[in-house]
Amino acid sequence: MGGLGTTEIVVIAVVALILFGPNKIPEFAKQCGRAVNMFKKGLKDGLEDDAAKKDA
């Protein structure tokens, strides 16, 4: 319960293709990847700052 199965993923992919078109999907995926990387970098920097404050 709560997990995504194969059928749900296929339906989501088809809806995304219909809404955005095949040319926009790779661009959207690239932007999502950049956002995730920026979030991870910000989280890492925040943890390093907290560790530096704790040691000081």
C-alpha atoms as a PDB file:
ATOM      1  CA  MET A   1       0.000   0.000   0.000  1.00  0.00           C
ATOM      2  CA  GLY A   2       1.427   3.358  -0.974  1.00  0.00           C
ATOM      3  CA  GLY A   3       4.012   2.001  -3.421  1.00  0.00           C
ATOM      4  CA  LEU A   4       4.082   2.666  -7.126  1.00  0.00           C
ATOM      5  CA  GLY A   5       3.697  -0.357  -9.351  1.00  0.00           C
ATOM      6  CA  THR A   6       4.609  -0.793 -12.982  1.00  0.00           C
ATOM      7  CA  THR A   7       1.128   0.117 -14.184  1.00  0.00           C
ATOM      8  CA  GLU A   8       1.096   3.385 -12.239  1.00  0.00           C
ATOM      9  CA  ILE A   9       4.517   4.382 -13.565  1.00  0.00           C
ATOM     10  CA  VAL A  10       3.433   3.676 -17.149  1.00  0.00           C
ATOM     11  CA  VAL A  11       0.261   5.747 -16.708  1.00  0.00           C
ATOM     12  CA  ILE A  12       2.257   8.651 -15.252  1.00  0.00           C
ATOM     13  CA  ALA A  13       4.729   8.463 -18.156  1.00  0.00           C
ATOM     14  CA  VAL A  14       1.937   8.489 -20.749  1.00  0.00           C
ATOM     15  CA  VAL A  15       0.230  11.455 -19.083  1.00  0.00           C
ATOM     16  CA  ALA A  16       3.555  13.329 -18.959  1.00  0.00           C
ATOM     17  CA  LEU A  17       4.115  12.685 -22.677  1.00  0.00           C
ATOM     18  CA  ILE A  18       0.640  13.954 -23.491  1.00  0.00           C
ATOM     19  CA  LEU A  19       0.964  17.078 -21.332  1.00  0.00           C
ATOM     20  CA  PHE A  20       4.548  18.103 -22.121  1.00  0.00           C
ATOM     21  CA  GLY A  21       5.345  16.418 -25.419  1.00  0.00           C
ATOM     22  CA  PRO A  22       8.384  14.276 -26.185  1.00  0.00           C
ATOM     23  CA  ASN A  23      10.711  17.261 -26.688  1.00  0.00           C
ATOM     24  CA  LYS A  24      10.166  18.768 -23.235  1.00  0.00           C
ATOM     25  CA  ILE A  25      10.615  15.580 -21.174  1.00  0.00           C
ATOM     26  CA  PRO A  26      14.463  15.407 -21.400  1.00  0.00           C
ATOM     27  CA  GLU A  27      14.731  19.123 -20.614  1.00  0.00           C
ATOM     28  CA  PHE A  28      12.432  18.680 -17.613  1.00  0.00           C
ATOM     29  CA  ALA A  29      14.443  15.676 -16.386  1.00  0.00           C
ATOM     30  CA  LYS A  30      17.688  17.650 -16.703  1.00  0.00           C
ATOM     31  CA  GLN A  31      16.248  20.514 -14.652  1.00  0.00           C
ATOM     32  CA  CYS A  32      15.026  18.075 -11.992  1.00  0.00           C
ATOM     33  CA  GLY A  33      18.503  16.536 -11.813  1.00  0.00           C
ATOM     34  CA  ARG A  34      20.081  19.954 -11.379  1.00  0.00           C
ATOM     35  CA  ALA A  35      17.597  20.819  -8.636  1.00  0.00           C
ATOM     36  CA  VAL A  36      18.340  17.590  -6.774  1.00  0.00           C
ATOM     37  CA  ASN A  37      22.085  18.189  -7.052  1.00  0.00           C
ATOM     38  CA  MET A  38      21.712  21.761  -5.770  1.00  0.00           C
ATOM     39  CA  PHE A  39      19.606  20.501  -2.864  1.00  0.00           C
ATOM     40  CA  LYS A  40      22.192  17.845  -1.957  1.00  0.00           C
ATOM     41  CA  LYS A  41      25.014  20.386  -2.168  1.00  0.00           C
ATOM     42  CA  GLY A  42      23.113  22.835   0.033  1.00  0.00           C
ATOM     43  CA  LEU A  43      22.357  20.096   2.548  1.00  0.00           C
ATOM     44  CA  LYS A  44      26.014  19.027   2.617  1.00  0.00           C
ATOM     45  CA  ASP A  45      27.183  22.638   3.049  1.00  0.00           C
ATOM     46  CA  GLY A  46      24.679  23.133   5.866  1.00  0.00           C
ATOM     47  CA  LEU A  47      25.859  20.009   7.656  1.00  0.00           C
ATOM     48  CA  GLU A  48      29.489  21.102   7.307  1.00  0.00           C
ATOM     49  CA  ASP A  49      28.622  24.542   8.712  1.00  0.00           C
ATOM     50  CA  ASP A  50      26.828  22.948  11.659  1.00  0.00           C
ATOM     51  CA  ALA A  51      29.794  20.664  12.335  1.00  0.00           C
ATOM     52  CA  ALA A  52      32.190  23.642  12.200  1.00  0.00           C
ATOM     53  CA  LYS A  53      30.021  25.610  14.658  1.00  0.00           C
ATOM     54  CA  LYS A  54      29.830  22.615  16.979  1.00  0.00           C
ATOM     55  CA  ASP A  55      33.621  22.195  17.006  1.00  0.00           C
ATOM     56  CA  ALA A  56      34.244  25.898  17.653  1.00  0.00           C
END
